[in-house]
C-alpha atoms as a PDB file:
ATOM      1  CA  MET A   1      94.727 134.865 116.359  1.00  0.00           C
ATOM      2  CA  ASP A   2      93.595 137.679 118.269  1.00  0.00           C
ATOM      3  CA  VAL A   3      89.649 138.043 118.331  1.00  0.00           C
ATOM      4  CA  ASP A   4      87.176 139.782 120.600  1.00  0.00           C
ATOM      5  CA  LEU A   5      85.002 136.795 121.883  1.00  0.00           C
ATOM      6  CA  GLN A   6      82.391 139.338 123.214  1.00  0.00           C
ATOM      7  CA  GLN A   7      82.039 141.316 119.860  1.00  0.00           C
ATOM      8  CA  ILE A   8      81.450 137.597 118.035  1.00  0.00           C
ATOM      9  CA  ARG A   9      79.010 136.398 120.626  1.00  0.00           C
ATOM     10  CA  THR A  10      77.004 139.887 120.130  1.00  0.00           C
ATOM     11  CA  ARG A  11      77.013 139.601 116.691  1.00  0.00           C
ATOM     12  CA  ILE A  12      75.905 135.806 116.151  1.00  0.00           C
ATOM     13  CA  VAL A  13      72.851 136.665 118.707  1.00  0.00           C
ATOM     14  CA  ALA A  14      71.821 139.913 116.943  1.00  0.00           C
ATOM     15  CA  GLY A  15      72.083 137.916 113.714  1.00  0.00           C
ATOM     16  CA  LEU A  16      69.618 134.994 114.778  1.00  0.00           C
ATOM     17  CA  GLY A  17      66.588 137.470 115.101  1.00  0.00           C
ATOM     18  CA  ASP A  18      65.442 137.415 111.729  1.00  0.00           C
ATOM     19  CA  LEU A  19      66.088 133.912 110.939  1.00  0.00           C
ATOM     20  CA  GLU A  20      63.476 131.232 109.970  1.00  0.00           C
ATOM     21  CA  ALA A  21      62.912 128.324 111.984  1.00  0.00           C
ATOM     22  CA  ARG A  22      64.703 125.954 109.463  1.00  0.00           C
ATOM     23  CA  GLN A  23      67.841 128.649 109.533  1.00  0.00           C
ATOM     24  CA  LEU A  24      67.873 128.583 113.153  1.00  0.00           C
ATOM     25  CA  ALA A  25      67.573 124.441 113.130  1.00  0.00           C
ATOM     26  CA  ALA A  26      70.791 124.676 110.855  1.00  0.00           C
ATOM     27  CA  VAL A  27      72.616 127.205 113.173  1.00  0.00           C
ATOM     28  CA  GLU A  28      71.744 125.109 116.217  1.00  0.00           C
ATOM     29  CA  SER A  29      72.959 121.635 114.510  1.00  0.00           C
ATOM     30  CA  VAL A  30      76.319 123.417 113.764  1.00  0.00           C
ATOM     31  CA  VAL A  31      76.568 124.804 117.358  1.00  0.00           C
ATOM     32  CA  ARG A  32      76.105 121.368 118.877  1.00  0.00           C
ATOM     33  CA  ASN A  33      78.342 120.042 116.751  1.00  0.00           C
ATOM     34  CA  MET A  34      80.907 122.457 117.753  1.00  0.00           C
ATOM     35  CA  HIS A  35      81.120 120.340 120.713  1.00  0.00           C
ATOM     36  CA  ARG A  36      81.908 117.055 118.936  1.00  0.00           C
ATOM     37  CA  LYS A  37      85.306 115.691 119.847  1.00  0.00           C
ATOM     38  CA  ILE A  38      87.692 114.499 117.038  1.00  0.00           C
ATOM     39  CA  HIS A  39      90.911 112.821 117.776  1.00  0.00           C
ATOM     40  CA  PHE A  40      94.099 113.173 115.585  1.00  0.00           C
ATOM     41  CA  ARG A  41      96.887 110.621 115.192  1.00  0.00           C
ATOM     42  CA  PRO A  42     100.146 112.013 113.421  1.00  0.00           C
ATOM     43  CA  GLY A  43     101.436 110.203 110.351  1.00  0.00           C
ATOM     44  CA  ASP A  44     105.059 109.281 109.708  1.00  0.00           C
ATOM     45  CA  ALA A  45     105.413 112.365 107.214  1.00  0.00           C
ATOM     46  CA  THR A  46     105.803 115.518 109.000  1.00  0.00           C
ATOM     47  CA  ASP A  47     106.529 118.427 106.548  1.00  0.00           C
ATOM     48  CA  LEU A  48     102.455 119.241 105.798  1.00  0.00           C
ATOM     49  CA  VAL A  49     100.498 118.658 108.888  1.00  0.00           C
ATOM     50  CA  ASP A  50     101.634 121.165 111.414  1.00  0.00           C
ATOM     51  CA  THR A  51      99.231 122.328 114.471  1.00  0.00           C
ATOM     52  CA  ALA A  52      97.554 124.925 112.657  1.00  0.00           C
ATOM     53  CA  PHE A  53      96.628 122.612 109.464  1.00  0.00           C
ATOM     54  CA  ARG A  54      95.570 119.837 112.033  1.00  0.00           C
ATOM     55  CA  ASP A  55      93.296 122.252 113.913  1.00  0.00           C
ATOM     56  CA  GLU A  56      91.652 123.641 111.024  1.00  0.00           C
ATOM     57  CA  MET A  57      91.125 120.171 109.375  1.00  0.00           C
ATOM     58  CA  SER A  58      89.295 119.330 112.293  1.00  0.00           C
ATOM     59  CA  LEU A  59      87.331 122.652 112.446  1.00  0.00           C
ATOM     60  CA  PHE A  60      86.256 122.139 108.846  1.00  0.00           C
ATOM     61  CA  LEU A  61      85.502 118.152 109.336  1.00  0.00           C
ATOM     62  CA  VAL A  62      83.325 118.947 112.376  1.00  0.00           C
ATOM     63  CA  VAL A  63      81.417 121.955 110.536  1.00  0.00           C
ATOM     64  CA  HIS A  64      80.981 119.481 107.244  1.00  0.00           C
ATOM     65  CA  HIS A  65      79.713 116.603 109.575  1.00  0.00           C
ATOM     66  CA  ALA A  66      77.091 119.006 111.384  1.00  0.00           C
ATOM     67  CA  LEU A  67      75.198 119.270 108.030  1.00  0.00           C
ATOM     68  CA  HIS A  68      76.372 116.026 105.958  1.00  0.00           C
ATOM     69  CA  GLU A  69      76.693 112.649 106.882  1.00  0.00           C
ATOM     70  CA  ARG A  70      78.514 111.598 103.284  1.00  0.00           C
ATOM     71  CA  ALA A  71      82.162 112.059 103.616  1.00  0.00           C
ATOM     72  CA  LEU A  72      84.107 115.108 102.398  1.00  0.00           C
ATOM     73  CA  ASN A  73      83.966 114.978  98.722  1.00  0.00           C
ATOM     74  CA  LYS A  74      86.737 116.649  96.276  1.00  0.00           C
ATOM     75  CA  GLU A  75      85.367 120.130  95.477  1.00  0.00           C
ATOM     76  CA  ASN A  76      85.047 120.578  99.307  1.00  0.00           C
ATOM     77  CA  PHE A  77      88.298 119.145 100.031  1.00  0.00           C
ATOM     78  CA  GLU A  78      90.079 121.463  97.436  1.00  0.00           C
ATOM     79  CA  TYR A  79      88.778 124.490  99.712  1.00  0.00           C
ATOM     80  CA  VAL A  80      89.175 123.027 102.988  1.00  0.00           C
ATOM     81  CA  PHE A  81      93.035 122.241 101.911  1.00  0.00           C
ATOM     82  CA  LYS A  82      93.586 125.549 100.807  1.00  0.00           C
ATOM     83  CA  GLN A  83      92.420 127.109 104.077  1.00  0.00           C
ATOM     84  CA  CYS A  84      94.595 124.779 105.749  1.00  0.00           C
ATOM     85  CA  LEU A  85      97.750 126.120 103.864  1.00  0.00           C
ATOM     86  CA  ILE A  86      96.722 129.647 104.611  1.00  0.00           C
ATOM     87  CA  ALA A  87      96.178 128.625 108.512  1.00  0.00           C
ATOM     88  CA  SER A  88      99.670 127.076 108.332  1.00  0.00           C
ATOM     89  CA  GLY A  89     100.940 130.348 107.176  1.00  0.00           C
ATOM     90  CA  ASP A  90     100.573 130.948 103.497  1.00  0.00           C
ATOM     91  CA  SER A  91      98.208 133.607 103.015  1.00  0.00           C
ATOM     92  CA  THR A  92      98.512 133.754  99.297  1.00  0.00           C
ATOM     93  CA  ALA A  93      97.259 130.071  98.979  1.00  0.00           C
ATOM     94  CA  ARG A  94      94.564 129.544  96.237  1.00  0.00           C
ATOM     95  CA  LEU A  95      92.588 127.444  94.030  1.00  0.00           C
ATOM     96  CA  ASN A  96      93.599 126.800  90.691  1.00  0.00           C
ATOM     97  CA  PRO A  97      91.415 129.591  88.472  1.00  0.00           C
ATOM     98  CA  ASN A  98      92.030 127.619  85.220  1.00  0.00           C
ATOM     99  CA  GLN A  99      92.457 123.929  85.192  1.00  0.00           C
ATOM    100  CA  LYS A 100      92.270 123.808  81.372  1.00  0.00           C
ATOM    101  CA  GLN A 101      96.069 125.360  81.453  1.00  0.00           C
ATOM    102  CA  ALA A 102      97.291 123.215  84.262  1.00  0.00           C
ATOM    103  CA  LYS A 103      95.767 120.214  86.160  1.00  0.00           C
ATOM    104  CA  PHE A 104      96.783 121.254  89.626  1.00  0.00           C
ATOM    105  CA  ASP A 105      93.974 122.234  92.021  1.00  0.00           C
ATOM    106  CA  VAL A 106      95.704 124.337  94.788  1.00  0.00           C
ATOM    107  CA  VAL A 107      98.932 126.348  94.808  1.00  0.00           C
ATOM    108  CA  GLY A 108     100.292 127.368  98.049  1.00  0.00           C
ATOM    109  CA  ALA A 109     103.144 126.381 100.548  1.00  0.00           C
ATOM    110  CA  GLY A 110     105.603 126.540  97.354  1.00  0.00           C
ATOM    111  CA  GLN A 111     103.949 123.701  95.601  1.00  0.00           C
ATOM    112  CA  ARG A 112     101.268 122.784  93.199  1.00  0.00           C
ATOM    113  CA  TRP A 113      98.731 120.245  94.713  1.00  0.00           C
ATOM    114  CA  SER A 114      96.837 117.780  92.877  1.00  0.00           C
ATOM    115  CA  LEU A 115      93.733 116.596  95.204  1.00  0.00           C
ATOM    116  CA  LYS A 116      91.856 113.469  95.411  1.00  0.00           C
ATOM    117  CA  THR A 117      89.536 111.913  97.609  1.00  0.00           C
ATOM    118  CA  GLU A 118      88.199 108.180  98.304  1.00  0.00           C
ATOM    119  CA  SER A 119      85.602 106.921 100.481  1.00  0.00           C
ATOM    120  CA  GLY A 120      83.244 103.536 100.721  1.00  0.00           C
ATOM    121  CA  ASP A 121      82.668 100.907 102.785  1.00  0.00           C
ATOM    122  CA  SER A 122      84.925  98.482 101.107  1.00  0.00           C
ATOM    123  CA  MET A 123      87.982 100.464 100.742  1.00  0.00           C
ATOM    124  CA  SER A 124      91.070  98.672 100.664  1.00  0.00           C
ATOM    125  CA  ARG A 125      93.430  98.529 103.403  1.00  0.00           C
ATOM    126  CA  ASN A 126      96.353  97.792 100.537  1.00  0.00           C
ATOM    127  CA  THR A 127      96.124 100.318  98.037  1.00  0.00           C
ATOM    128  CA  VAL A 128      94.843 103.971  97.539  1.00  0.00           C
ATOM    129  CA  LYS A 129      92.670 104.372  94.576  1.00  0.00           C
ATOM    130  CA  VAL A 130      92.892 107.207  92.106  1.00  0.00           C
ATOM    131  CA  GLU A 131      89.948 107.219  90.071  1.00  0.00           C
ATOM    132  CA  LYS A 132      91.007 109.783  87.597  1.00  0.00           C
ATOM    133  CA  LEU A 133      94.623 110.406  87.099  1.00  0.00           C
ATOM    134  CA  ALA A 134      94.039 112.000  84.096  1.00  0.00           C
ATOM    135  CA  GLU A 135      91.279 112.278  81.118  1.00  0.00           C
ATOM    136  CA  ALA A 136      91.964 110.267  78.242  1.00  0.00           C
ATOM    137  CA  LEU A 137      90.065 110.539  75.198  1.00  0.00           C
ATOM    138  CA  TRP A 138      92.434 108.370  73.151  1.00  0.00           C
ATOM    139  CA  ILE A 139      91.561 105.407  74.964  1.00  0.00           C
ATOM    140  CA  ARG A 140      89.001 104.104  72.650  1.00  0.00           C
ATOM    141  CA  SER A 141      91.151 104.603  69.823  1.00  0.00           C
ATOM    142  CA  SER A 142      93.730 102.900  71.187  1.00  0.00           C
ATOM    143  CA  PRO A 143      93.093  99.440  70.370  1.00  0.00           C
ATOM    144  CA  THR A 144      96.562  97.641  70.839  1.00  0.00           C
ATOM    145  CA  ALA A 145      99.188  97.355  73.521  1.00  0.00           C
ATOM    146  CA  GLU A 146     101.528  99.497  71.752  1.00  0.00           C
ATOM    147  CA  ASP A 147      98.938 102.053  71.476  1.00  0.00           C
ATOM    148  CA  CYS A 148      98.540 102.490  75.232  1.00  0.00           C
ATOM    149  CA  ALA A 149     101.908 102.355  75.871  1.00  0.00           C
ATOM    150  CA  GLN A 150     102.611 105.193  73.533  1.00  0.00           C
ATOM    151  CA  ASN A 151     100.122 107.317  74.689  1.00  0.00           C
ATOM    152  CA  VAL A 152     100.686 106.992  78.313  1.00  0.00           C
ATOM    153  CA  LEU A 153     104.346 108.279  77.606  1.00  0.00           C
ATOM    154  CA  GLU A 154     103.305 111.080  75.455  1.00  0.00           C
ATOM    155  CA  LYS A 155     100.160 112.128  77.064  1.00  0.00           C
ATOM    156  CA  VAL A 156     100.054 110.862  80.647  1.00  0.00           C
ATOM    157  CA  ALA A 157     103.296 111.089  81.894  1.00  0.00           C
ATOM    158  CA  PRO A 158     103.675 114.719  80.686  1.00  0.00           C
ATOM    159  CA  ARG A 159     100.484 115.812  82.539  1.00  0.00           C
ATOM    160  CA  LEU A 160     102.478 115.083  85.916  1.00  0.00           C
ATOM    161  CA  HIS A 161     104.449 118.149  85.253  1.00  0.00           C
ATOM    162  CA  ASP A 162     101.492 120.288  85.847  1.00  0.00           C
ATOM    163  CA  TYR A 163     101.609 119.668  89.604  1.00  0.00           C
ATOM    164  CA  ASP A 164     104.345 118.820  92.201  1.00  0.00           C
ATOM    165  CA  ARG A 165     102.396 117.020  94.795  1.00  0.00           C
ATOM    166  CA  ILE A 166      99.505 114.425  95.001  1.00  0.00           C
ATOM    167  CA  ILE A 167      97.283 114.334  98.023  1.00  0.00           C
ATOM    168  CA  VAL A 168      94.423 111.672  98.557  1.00  0.00           C
ATOM    169  CA  LEU A 169      91.871 112.433 101.404  1.00  0.00           C
ATOM    170  CA  ARG A 170      90.340 108.810 102.508  1.00  0.00           C
ATOM    171  CA  ALA A 171      87.268 108.401 104.525  1.00  0.00           C
ATOM    172  CA  SER A 172      86.101 105.099 106.163  1.00  0.00           C
ATOM    173  CA  ARG A 173      83.462 104.361 108.620  1.00  0.00           C
ATOM    174  CA  HIS A 174      83.795 101.823 111.750  1.00  0.00           C
ATOM    175  CA  LYS A 175      81.321 101.225 114.567  1.00  0.00           C
ATOM    176  CA  GLY A 176      79.492 104.688 114.212  1.00  0.00           C
ATOM    177  CA  LEU A 177      82.922 106.607 113.777  1.00  0.00           C
ATOM    178  CA  ILE A 178      84.243 108.286 110.466  1.00  0.00           C
ATOM    179  CA  THR A 179      88.155 108.268 109.897  1.00  0.00           C
ATOM    180  CA  TYR A 180      89.687 110.746 107.323  1.00  0.00           C
ATOM    181  CA  SER A 181      93.396 109.560 106.292  1.00  0.00           C
ATOM    182  CA  LEU A 182      95.614 111.846 104.485  1.00  0.00           C
ATOM    183  CA  GLU A 183      97.834 109.995 102.394  1.00  0.00           C
ATOM    184  CA  GLU A 184     100.462 111.272  99.818  1.00  0.00           C
ATOM    185  CA  ILE A 185     101.461 109.468  96.261  1.00  0.00           C
ATOM    186  CA  PRO A 186     104.939 110.253  95.881  1.00  0.00           C
ATOM    187  CA  TRP A 187     105.318 112.032  92.803  1.00  0.00           C
ATOM    188  CA  ASN A 188     108.812 110.727  91.689  1.00  0.00           C
ATOM    189  CA  SER A 189     108.205 107.572  92.243  1.00  0.00           C
ATOM    190  CA  LEU A 190     104.871 107.384  90.155  1.00  0.00           C
ATOM    191  CA  TYR A 191     106.746 109.467  87.393  1.00  0.00           C
ATOM    192  CA  THR A 192     109.695 107.347  87.363  1.00  0.00           C
ATOM    193  CA  ALA A 193     107.812 104.272  86.861  1.00  0.00           C
ATOM    194  CA  LEU A 194     105.493 105.488  84.193  1.00  0.00           C
ATOM    195  CA  MET A 195     109.078 106.708  82.334  1.00  0.00           C
ATOM    196  CA  ASN A 196     111.112 103.489  82.764  1.00  0.00           C
ATOM    197  CA  HIS A 197     108.496 100.756  82.687  1.00  0.00           C
ATOM    198  CA  THR A 198     105.895 102.016  80.212  1.00  0.00           C
ATOM    199  CA  ARG A 199     106.266  99.402  77.555  1.00  0.00           C
ATOM    200  CA  SER A 200     103.585  97.398  75.254  1.00  0.00           C
ATOM    201  CA  GLU A 201     104.517  94.199  76.842  1.00  0.00           C
ATOM    202  CA  ILE A 202     103.060  94.998  80.355  1.00  0.00           C
ATOM    203  CA  PHE A 203      99.637  96.159  79.021  1.00  0.00           C
ATOM    204  CA  SER A 204      96.702  93.622  78.767  1.00  0.00           C
ATOM    205  CA  LYS A 205      93.010  92.581  78.977  1.00  0.00           C
ATOM    206  CA  ALA A 206      92.093  90.726  81.962  1.00  0.00           C
ATOM    207  CA  VAL A 207      90.036  87.451  81.144  1.00  0.00           C
ATOM    208  CA  ARG A 208      87.271  86.582  83.500  1.00  0.00           C
ATOM    209  CA  GLY A 209      85.164  83.456  82.937  1.00  0.00           C
ATOM    210  CA  GLY A 210      86.408  83.045  79.400  1.00  0.00           C
ATOM    211  CA  LYS A 211      85.502  86.461  78.450  1.00  0.00           C
ATOM    212  CA  GLU A 212      88.003  89.132  77.670  1.00  0.00           C
ATOM    213  CA  ALA A 213      87.606  92.726  79.667  1.00  0.00           C
ATOM    214  CA  LYS A 214      87.283  95.697  77.474  1.00  0.00           C
ATOM    215  CA  SER A 215      89.824  97.926  79.302  1.00  0.00           C
ATOM    216  CA  PHE A 216      93.825  97.407  78.999  1.00  0.00           C
ATOM    217  CA  GLY A 217      95.455  97.380  82.289  1.00  0.00           C
ATOM    218  CA  ALA A 218      99.173  97.007  83.429  1.00  0.00           C
ATOM    219  CA  ASP A 219     101.079  96.411  86.742  1.00  0.00           C
ATOM    220  CA  TYR A 220     104.053  98.843  87.190  1.00  0.00           C
ATOM    221  CA  PRO A 221     106.976  97.561  89.525  1.00  0.00           C
ATOM    222  CA  LYS A 222     108.450  99.427  92.420  1.00  0.00           C
ATOM    223  CA  GLU A 223     111.852 100.503  91.353  1.00  0.00           C
ATOM    224  CA  GLY A 224     114.516  98.051  91.563  1.00  0.00           C
ATOM    225  CA  SER A 225     112.225  95.111  92.653  1.00  0.00           C
ATOM    226  CA  GLN A 226     109.593  92.842  91.430  1.00  0.00           C
ATOM    227  CA  THR A 227     106.738  94.138  94.012  1.00  0.00           C
ATOM    228  CA  ARG A 228     104.105  96.033  92.416  1.00  0.00           C
ATOM    229  CA  LEU A 229     103.901  99.556  93.074  1.00  0.00           C
ATOM    230  CA  PHE A 230     100.879 100.237  91.359  1.00  0.00           C
ATOM    231  CA  ARG A 231      98.072  99.018  88.799  1.00  0.00           C
ATOM    232  CA  MET A 232      96.827 101.216  86.064  1.00  0.00           C
ATOM    233  CA  LEU A 233      93.623 100.738  84.239  1.00  0.00           C
ATOM    234  CA  LEU A 234      92.988 102.681  80.816  1.00  0.00           C
ATOM    235  CA  ASP A 235      88.813 102.816  81.336  1.00  0.00           C
ATOM    236  CA  THR A 236      87.166 102.838  78.310  1.00  0.00           C
ATOM    237  CA  SER A 237      84.088 103.374  79.900  1.00  0.00           C
ATOM    238  CA  VAL A 238      85.085 106.877  81.222  1.00  0.00           C
ATOM    239  CA  GLU A 239      88.006 107.480  79.232  1.00  0.00           C
ATOM    240  CA  LYS A 240      90.011 108.045  81.979  1.00  0.00           C
ATOM    241  CA  VAL A 241      93.311 106.706  83.523  1.00  0.00           C
ATOM    242  CA  ARG A 242      92.825 104.988  86.994  1.00  0.00           C
ATOM    243  CA  VAL A 243      95.686 104.037  89.351  1.00  0.00           C
ATOM    244  CA  TRP A 244      95.558 101.753  92.005  1.00  0.00           C
ATOM    245  CA  TYR A 245      98.985 102.623  94.627  1.00  0.00           C
ATOM    246  CA  ALA A 246     100.410 100.585  97.212  1.00  0.00           C
ATOM    247  CA  LEU A 247      99.100 102.385 100.486  1.00  0.00           C
ATOM    248  CA  GLU A 248     102.594 101.198 102.197  1.00  0.00           C
ATOM    249  CA  GLU A 249     104.293 102.884  99.655  1.00  0.00           C
ATOM    250  CA  CYS A 250     102.541 106.399 100.541  1.00  0.00           C
ATOM    251  CA  LEU A 251     103.479 109.218 102.757  1.00  0.00           C
ATOM    252  CA  HIS A 252     100.918 109.433 105.577  1.00  0.00           C
ATOM    253  CA  HIS A 253     100.491 112.673 107.040  1.00  0.00           C
ATOM    254  CA  GLY A 254      97.590 111.920 109.700  1.00  0.00           C
ATOM    255  CA  TYR A 255      94.155 110.401 110.804  1.00  0.00           C
ATOM    256  CA  TRP A 256      91.280 112.799 112.052  1.00  0.00           C
ATOM    257  CA  THR A 257      88.576 110.553 113.827  1.00  0.00           C
ATOM    258  CA  LEU A 258      84.957 111.755 114.618  1.00  0.00           C
ATOM    259  CA  SER A 259      81.611 110.735 115.499  1.00  0.00           C
ATOM    260  CA  ALA A 260      80.077 109.495 111.845  1.00  0.00           C
ATOM    261  CA  SER A 261      76.459 110.900 112.951  1.00  0.00           C
ATOM    262  CA  THR A 262      75.073 113.986 114.700  1.00  0.00           C
ATOM    263  CA  PRO A 263      73.588 113.211 117.966  1.00  0.00           C
ATOM    264  CA  THR A 264      70.526 115.024 119.226  1.00  0.00           C
ATOM    265  CA  ASP A 265      72.130 116.186 122.544  1.00  0.00           C
ATOM    266  CA  VAL A 266      75.796 117.658 123.354  1.00  0.00           C
ATOM    267  CA  ALA A 267      75.968 115.057 126.099  1.00  0.00           C
ATOM    268  CA  GLU A 268      75.495 112.389 123.843  1.00  0.00           C
ATOM    269  CA  LEU A 269      78.541 113.409 121.686  1.00  0.00           C
ATOM    270  CA  SER A 270      81.152 110.440 121.574  1.00  0.00           C
ATOM    271  CA  THR A 271      84.801 111.189 122.264  1.00  0.00           C
ATOM    272  CA  PRO A 272      86.949 109.099 120.261  1.00  0.00           C
ATOM    273  CA  GLU A 273      89.559 108.994 123.055  1.00  0.00           C
ATOM    274  CA  THR A 274      87.164 106.765 125.091  1.00  0.00           C
ATOM    275  CA  VAL A 275      85.950 104.319 122.405  1.00  0.00           C
ATOM    276  CA  GLU A 276      87.643 102.018 120.505  1.00  0.00           C
ATOM    277  CA  LEU A 277      89.383 103.429 117.443  1.00  0.00           C
ATOM    278  CA  PRO A 278      89.627 101.765 114.175  1.00  0.00           C
ATOM    279  CA  PRO A 279      93.092 100.346 113.174  1.00  0.00           C
ATOM    280  CA  GLN A 280      94.852 101.565 110.633  1.00  0.00           C
ATOM    281  CA  ARG A 281      97.107 100.791 107.731  1.00  0.00           C
ATOM    282  CA  ASP A 282      97.531  97.548 109.294  1.00  0.00           C
ATOM    283  CA  PRO A 283      98.788  95.017 106.620  1.00  0.00           C
ATOM    284  CA  GLN A 284      96.030  92.550 104.999  1.00  0.00           C
ATOM    285  CA  PRO A 285      96.768  89.264 103.218  1.00  0.00           C
ATOM    286  CA  GLU A 286      98.031  89.206  99.854  1.00  0.00           C
ATOM    287  CA  VAL A 287      95.375  88.781  96.993  1.00  0.00           C
ATOM    288  CA  THR A 288      95.818  87.994  93.337  1.00  0.00           C
ATOM    289  CA  CYS A 289      95.616  91.184  91.231  1.00  0.00           C
ATOM    290  CA  GLN A 290      92.474  90.055  89.839  1.00  0.00           C
ATOM    291  CA  GLU A 291      90.817  89.430  93.137  1.00  0.00           C
ATOM    292  CA  GLU A 292      91.822  93.037  94.391  1.00  0.00           C
ATOM    293  CA  LEU A 293      91.197  95.039  91.139  1.00  0.00           C
ATOM    294  CA  PRO A 294      88.088  93.552  89.277  1.00  0.00           C
ATOM    295  CA  PHE A 295      88.821  94.554  85.725  1.00  0.00           C
END
């Protein structure tokens, strides 16, 4: 990008004159945080995150954490993702203007993207949690396993045709650092599992302490094996379809790691290259379905 740096600096200085003290403090925080180091580790998937995408994501994460300690949320991620696609060469990338017609979030790079976020101190190292794969107002009027299977086939699986790819931005904290991981749930594997394995026999309600859960759940196997690919919950409390997808089956697009807090001085900005980065995607001991997925 060809820019006139001197002109930009002149505009910034000229614009500071009429700002109030609190506004100047916010600007100072952003400027200070622009010096924050961010470390990128590429993933195995290589068709999405090029150098421009990587740098644009890094820029927005640094700006976000100049003003926020909480992780990027879904709405903000949609905008950032669109900007990353634009930086990568698609100037026509845009947010979905009407999600009532189709449930994709962003269109760009020749694809319709469904975007999700996940964060928390107890995030699983084995599964990617999608808290809303689909709205499901029909859940409370589906009292049997047969009802559940029929509705998943007739109302959930067809909604996947509204988008082409599913991207999840996961944020985790470790020893003063926050790491963002970009994971992709393979559309074909998810759709194939729904079409090939949705039947009433796989839906049941867990029993804990002698008490039956309110919501139906189902385990879907990886095609051609007995290994669980994902677990689905038809959550009656919020009327949503939730999915826990095996992390090792996701496409990994990379990690961005930066300091989780804002320092008071540029000299205090930690450099991830000089500290112990958190381990990623290391397999954890297997646990039972009930222990890993409490429903």
